[in-house]
Every structure is written in C-alpha cells, then in structure tokens.
Amino acid sequence: MKKTNLLLIALSLLFFASCKKEVDTPKVRYDESKNVVKNPVKRDSSQIKIADLPINMEGTKYLIHPIGDVRLYEDRSSRYGSSNTNSVSYSISNYNRFELTGFLQNLKFQHIDSTAIHPLTDKVIQIQTVTYLNTVADRTKMQVLIYNLVDQDTNKDGKLDSNDIKSLYISTIGGKKFKKLSSDFQELIDWNIVEVQNKLYFRTIEDINKNGSFDKNDVVHYHFVNLADSNWEVVNYEPI
C-alpha cells in the first residue's frame, strides 16, 4: 500500500511539474549570428480606437488627449452556472496631477486657444507613463514631458507590451521635438531630475552577453541631458 501511495505521489508531482513548466520569454530575441533584427509592428486595424477626455497639466496651455484601444476583459462572475461574458472598458488612462499612465498608442495635443489637434508621433508605440517636469518649469519656464514607452518589438512576439524593452523619450509640452534619449536595445532602468543643474539623469542596461535577458552579467550605462540645451544631447558619464 505504501509503495502504491508513493508511486501515485511521484506521478502526481511529475504531472503538476509538466503542467506548470514555463518557458521564459526573453526581452530580446536574436538571429543565429547574435544580431538584433528589428521587427516592426503594424497597427491592428481590428481594434477599436478611443480617446479619453483631455487633461491639462497644471500651469500649461495645452490639452492632452490620450489615445488607445477599447479594452475587453472577462467578467468572471457567473450566476447559476451561466457562462462568462466579456465586458468593455472605455477608460484607457489614469491621471494624477503631473503624471499620466496607461497603455497608450499615442497622444494628441491641442493649444487651449485653438481647435487644431496634432499627434505626438506617427510611429507604432506603447506609452506607459508621461511625466510633466513641473518643478523644472517653475524654475526655468521650460515645459517638457518625459515618456517611458516601448517602441520596438524586441522579443518578436508580434506586439508591443511590457515584455519588450522600455525606452526614454522627451518632448515639449505641446508634443513637439519628440526625441528618443536612450539607445536602441538598452533597457531603461530609471531616471531622475537634478533641479539645481536642470539635468535629467538616467540609467540603461545593455545585454552584452546576448542571452536575451538583463542580469548582473550585463553592463549598466549612465547618461545625462542638459534640459537647457535646445537639442537635448545625451552625454555619457562614468561614475564607477
């Protein structure tokens, strides 16, 4: 009886182990020569586009219209054995004074004294956070936005999401001069503003061993941007 029980336990463990086996999805996929192949993503024409109501960052003269997809999610509640149904969410962003978050496809900008609206970009991207540097604006009158976004399908799964490399971008408060600050195929770690210098500092990590993941064996790069520089040139520095 004990042998039978042990055999059943062993078989059960093997069964659950096989069911729970997961394949790690790397953030970067390479070809056989360890080169990165850019994989552009096309817009999904089947998705229903929608805009949230516009927001105005305090102290600015622009309205920002978040653009994204209508979201479908499964309603797990059921009654008397009825099947699950899909519900629709028309909210695509969250706004907390100086920061906009969500999974946005684009932003559109409108001056408060105009009816004209223009998009941030014509590229396929996924914007995750938009931050208005209000303290910098208070000190220098320079009004800029910082973006944390995904701009390439680095893991080649056919979509842009949080499993791809995050990049750092900047623009004016009106969505002009939209520029990438981080390098291609380097994952953004974090960023910070040093107000006394009017500088934006940020760190990225590079997958130098080409294993598709970012770990302790890879290299961290350090950069800063002088926000007073009209070209927002990125400067590398070595604190270590």
Protein backbone atom coordinates (compact mmCIF):
# COMPACT_ATOMS: atom_id res chain seq x y z
CA MET A 1 0.00 0.00 0.00
CA LYS A 2 2.83 2.39 0.90
CA LYS A 3 4.62 1.67 -2.40
CA THR A 4 1.39 2.36 -4.29
CA ASN A 5 0.90 5.65 -2.46
CA LEU A 6 4.50 6.71 -3.15
CA LEU A 7 4.09 5.87 -6.82
CA LEU A 8 0.89 7.91 -7.04
CA ILE A 9 2.57 10.85 -5.33
CA ALA A 10 5.53 10.66 -7.69
CA LEU A 11 3.27 10.53 -10.74
CA SER A 12 1.22 13.45 -9.42
CA LEU A 13 4.36 15.55 -8.91
CA LEU A 14 5.54 14.79 -12.44
CA PHE A 15 2.12 15.70 -13.82
CA PHE A 16 1.93 19.04 -12.00
CA ALA A 17 5.54 19.84 -12.88
CA SER A 18 4.79 19.30 -16.57
CA CYS A 19 1.64 21.44 -16.32
CA LYS A 20 3.46 24.29 -14.60
CA LYS A 21 6.50 24.21 -16.85
CA GLU A 22 7.00 27.72 -18.17
CA VAL A 23 9.21 28.96 -20.94
CA ASP A 24 10.94 32.20 -20.06
CA THR A 25 10.28 34.88 -22.65
CA PRO A 26 13.43 36.94 -23.27
CA LYS A 27 13.13 40.68 -23.74
CA VAL A 28 15.37 40.49 -26.81
CA ARG A 29 15.47 37.78 -29.45
CA TYR A 30 18.48 37.48 -31.75
CA ASP A 31 19.09 35.69 -35.01
CA GLU A 32 21.63 32.85 -35.22
CA SER A 33 24.53 35.29 -35.56
CA LYS A 34 23.55 37.02 -32.29
CA ASN A 35 22.47 40.12 -34.18
CA VAL A 36 19.33 42.02 -33.29
CA VAL A 37 16.81 42.09 -36.11
CA LYS A 38 14.36 44.96 -35.96
CA ASN A 39 10.83 43.66 -36.15
CA PRO A 40 8.34 46.44 -36.95
CA VAL A 41 4.81 46.04 -35.63
CA LYS A 42 1.83 47.04 -37.73
CA ARG A 43 -1.22 48.71 -36.28
CA ASP A 44 -4.03 46.28 -35.51
CA SER A 45 -6.89 47.57 -37.68
CA SER A 46 -9.36 45.27 -35.90
CA GLN A 47 -9.00 47.17 -32.62
CA ILE A 48 -11.46 49.96 -31.81
CA LYS A 49 -9.62 53.23 -31.17
CA ILE A 50 -10.85 55.57 -28.45
CA ALA A 51 -9.71 58.76 -26.73
CA ASP A 52 -10.04 59.60 -23.06
CA LEU A 53 -11.28 63.05 -22.17
CA PRO A 54 -8.45 65.60 -22.42
CA ILE A 55 -6.31 66.68 -19.48
CA ASN A 56 -4.41 69.87 -18.80
CA MET A 57 -1.17 69.73 -16.85
CA GLU A 58 -1.37 72.49 -14.25
CA GLY A 59 0.35 75.67 -15.40
CA THR A 60 0.41 74.77 -19.12
CA LYS A 61 -1.60 75.92 -22.14
CA TYR A 62 -2.12 72.56 -23.83
CA LEU A 63 -4.77 69.87 -23.67
CA ILE A 64 -3.51 66.29 -23.95
CA HIS A 65 -5.81 63.68 -25.47
CA PRO A 66 -4.80 60.07 -24.56
CA ILE A 67 -5.38 57.63 -27.44
CA GLY A 68 -5.73 53.85 -27.06
CA ASP A 69 -7.87 50.78 -27.69
CA VAL A 70 -11.21 49.84 -26.20
CA ARG A 71 -10.38 47.09 -23.71
CA LEU A 72 -12.27 43.83 -23.40
CA TYR A 73 -11.96 41.84 -20.19
CA GLU A 74 -13.62 38.70 -18.96
CA ASP A 75 -16.27 39.01 -16.28
CA ARG A 76 -15.56 36.05 -14.03
CA SER A 77 -18.77 36.40 -12.07
CA SER A 78 -21.47 33.93 -13.00
CA ARG A 79 -24.94 33.07 -11.80
CA TYR A 80 -26.48 29.65 -11.61
CA GLY A 81 -23.87 28.14 -13.90
CA SER A 82 -24.12 30.76 -16.62
CA SER A 83 -21.08 31.18 -18.85
CA ASN A 84 -18.61 34.08 -18.51
CA THR A 85 -19.18 37.17 -20.60
CA ASN A 86 -16.90 39.90 -21.92
CA SER A 87 -17.18 43.43 -20.55
CA VAL A 88 -15.94 46.62 -22.17
CA SER A 89 -13.73 49.28 -20.58
CA TYR A 90 -13.70 52.72 -22.18
CA SER A 91 -11.06 54.06 -19.77
CA ILE A 92 -7.55 53.84 -21.17
CA SER A 93 -5.51 56.09 -18.86
CA ASN A 94 -5.07 57.38 -15.32
CA TYR A 95 -4.05 60.92 -14.44
CA ASN A 96 -2.52 62.06 -11.18
CA ARG A 97 -1.76 65.78 -11.44
CA PHE A 98 1.63 65.72 -13.25
CA GLU A 99 1.71 62.10 -14.45
CA LEU A 100 -0.34 60.21 -17.00
CA THR A 101 -0.22 56.41 -17.02
CA GLY A 102 -1.75 53.63 -19.09
CA PHE A 103 -1.05 51.56 -22.19
CA LEU A 104 -1.48 54.28 -24.78
CA GLN A 105 -0.91 54.17 -28.52
CA ASN A 106 -0.49 57.88 -28.94
CA LEU A 107 -1.22 61.32 -27.55
CA LYS A 108 -2.79 64.28 -29.31
CA PHE A 109 -2.10 67.87 -28.35
CA GLN A 110 -4.29 70.95 -28.57
CA HIS A 111 -3.48 74.50 -27.55
CA ILE A 112 -6.20 75.85 -25.27
CA ASP A 113 -6.82 78.76 -27.67
CA SER A 114 -7.06 76.58 -30.79
CA THR A 115 -9.27 73.89 -32.28
CA ALA A 116 -6.33 72.26 -34.11
CA ILE A 117 -5.17 68.88 -32.77
CA HIS A 118 -1.92 67.15 -33.76
CA PRO A 119 -0.50 63.72 -32.83
CA LEU A 120 2.70 63.11 -30.91
CA THR A 121 4.01 60.63 -33.48
CA ASP A 122 3.05 58.53 -36.49
CA LYS A 123 5.05 55.53 -35.23
CA VAL A 124 3.60 52.42 -33.59
CA ILE A 125 4.46 52.72 -29.89
CA GLN A 126 3.05 51.90 -26.47
CA ILE A 127 3.30 54.76 -23.97
CA GLN A 128 3.28 53.65 -20.34
CA THR A 129 3.98 56.85 -18.42
CA VAL A 130 4.10 60.56 -19.28
CA THR A 131 5.56 62.94 -16.69
CA TYR A 132 5.45 66.72 -16.76
CA LEU A 133 8.55 68.27 -15.17
CA ASN A 134 6.64 70.91 -13.24
CA THR A 135 9.48 71.80 -10.86
CA VAL A 136 11.80 72.45 -13.80
CA ALA A 137 9.11 74.59 -15.40
CA ASP A 138 8.69 76.60 -12.19
CA ARG A 139 12.43 77.35 -12.10
CA THR A 140 13.27 77.83 -15.78
CA LYS A 141 9.96 78.25 -17.66
CA MET A 142 10.96 75.23 -19.79
CA GLN A 143 7.94 72.96 -20.13
CA VAL A 144 8.83 69.40 -21.13
CA LEU A 145 7.34 65.92 -20.94
CA ILE A 146 9.26 62.70 -20.22
CA TYR A 147 7.98 59.42 -21.65
CA ASN A 148 8.53 55.82 -20.60
CA LEU A 149 7.46 53.75 -23.60
CA VAL A 150 8.00 50.75 -25.86
CA ASP A 151 8.93 51.49 -29.46
CA GLN A 152 10.14 48.12 -30.81
CA ASP A 153 9.01 44.50 -30.70
CA THR A 154 12.33 43.35 -29.26
CA ASN A 155 11.13 39.88 -28.27
CA LYS A 156 9.50 39.33 -31.68
CA ASP A 157 6.11 38.17 -30.41
CA GLY A 158 4.22 40.43 -32.80
CA LYS A 159 3.10 43.05 -30.27
CA LEU A 160 4.35 45.91 -28.14
CA ASP A 161 3.94 45.40 -24.39
CA SER A 162 5.77 45.36 -21.06
CA ASN A 163 7.74 42.28 -22.18
CA ASP A 164 9.66 44.45 -24.65
CA ILE A 165 12.47 46.88 -23.88
CA LYS A 166 11.41 50.18 -22.31
CA SER A 167 12.85 53.40 -23.73
CA LEU A 168 13.09 57.02 -22.58
CA TYR A 169 11.78 59.90 -24.70
CA ILE A 170 11.31 63.66 -24.30
CA SER A 171 9.18 66.35 -25.95
CA THR A 172 7.93 69.87 -25.38
CA ILE A 173 4.66 70.33 -23.50
CA GLY A 174 2.92 70.68 -26.87
CA GLY A 175 4.26 67.35 -28.17
CA LYS A 176 6.91 68.89 -30.42
CA LYS A 177 10.57 67.79 -30.73
CA PHE A 178 9.66 64.23 -29.75
CA LYS A 179 13.08 62.59 -29.27
CA LYS A 180 14.46 59.29 -28.07
CA LEU A 181 17.09 59.63 -25.33
CA SER A 182 18.01 56.02 -24.55
CA SER A 183 19.86 53.85 -27.07
CA ASP A 184 18.20 51.12 -29.10
CA PHE A 185 18.12 47.72 -27.35
CA GLN A 186 19.16 49.16 -23.99
CA GLU A 187 16.58 48.73 -21.23
CA LEU A 188 15.69 51.84 -19.24
CA ILE A 189 16.35 51.25 -15.52
CA ASP A 190 15.33 54.59 -14.05
CA TRP A 191 15.64 58.36 -14.39
CA ASN A 192 15.88 61.35 -12.10
CA ILE A 193 15.90 65.16 -12.27
CA VAL A 194 18.65 67.16 -10.53
CA GLU A 195 16.94 70.52 -10.33
CA VAL A 196 19.95 72.57 -9.24
CA GLN A 197 21.62 71.60 -12.55
CA ASN A 198 18.50 71.43 -14.71
CA LYS A 199 19.69 68.00 -15.79
CA LEU A 200 17.91 64.73 -16.45
CA TYR A 201 19.96 61.69 -15.37
CA PHE A 202 19.09 58.15 -16.43
CA ARG A 203 20.49 54.62 -16.46
CA THR A 204 20.17 51.86 -19.04
CA ILE A 205 21.38 48.28 -19.20
CA GLU A 206 22.82 46.51 -22.25
CA ASP A 207 22.59 42.78 -22.91
CA ILE A 208 26.28 42.32 -23.74
CA ASN A 209 26.26 38.52 -23.38
CA LYS A 210 23.35 38.26 -25.85
CA ASN A 211 21.29 35.85 -23.74
CA GLY A 212 18.10 37.85 -24.27
CA SER A 213 17.75 38.86 -20.61
CA PHE A 214 19.09 41.68 -18.46
CA ASP A 215 21.06 40.41 -15.47
CA LYS A 216 24.13 41.04 -13.30
CA ASN A 217 26.47 40.00 -16.10
CA ASP A 218 25.36 42.86 -18.34
CA VAL A 219 26.61 46.45 -18.45
CA VAL A 220 24.89 49.48 -16.93
CA HIS A 221 25.30 52.78 -18.81
CA TYR A 222 24.97 56.23 -17.22
CA HIS A 223 23.71 59.31 -19.07
CA PHE A 224 22.52 62.85 -18.54
CA VAL A 225 20.77 65.51 -20.59
CA ASN A 226 21.09 69.24 -20.00
CA LEU A 227 17.48 70.37 -20.27
CA ALA A 228 18.65 73.92 -21.04
CA ASP A 229 20.26 72.58 -24.22
CA SER A 230 17.72 73.10 -27.01
CA ASN A 231 18.96 69.93 -28.79
CA TRP A 232 18.74 67.74 -25.65
CA GLU A 233 22.00 65.99 -26.47
CA VAL A 234 22.68 62.85 -24.41
CA VAL A 235 26.03 62.78 -22.58
CA ASN A 236 27.55 59.58 -21.22
CA TYR A 237 29.39 59.66 -17.90
CA GLU A 238 31.24 57.11 -15.74
CA PRO A 239 30.55 57.36 -12.00
CA ILE A 240 32.24 54.00 -11.33
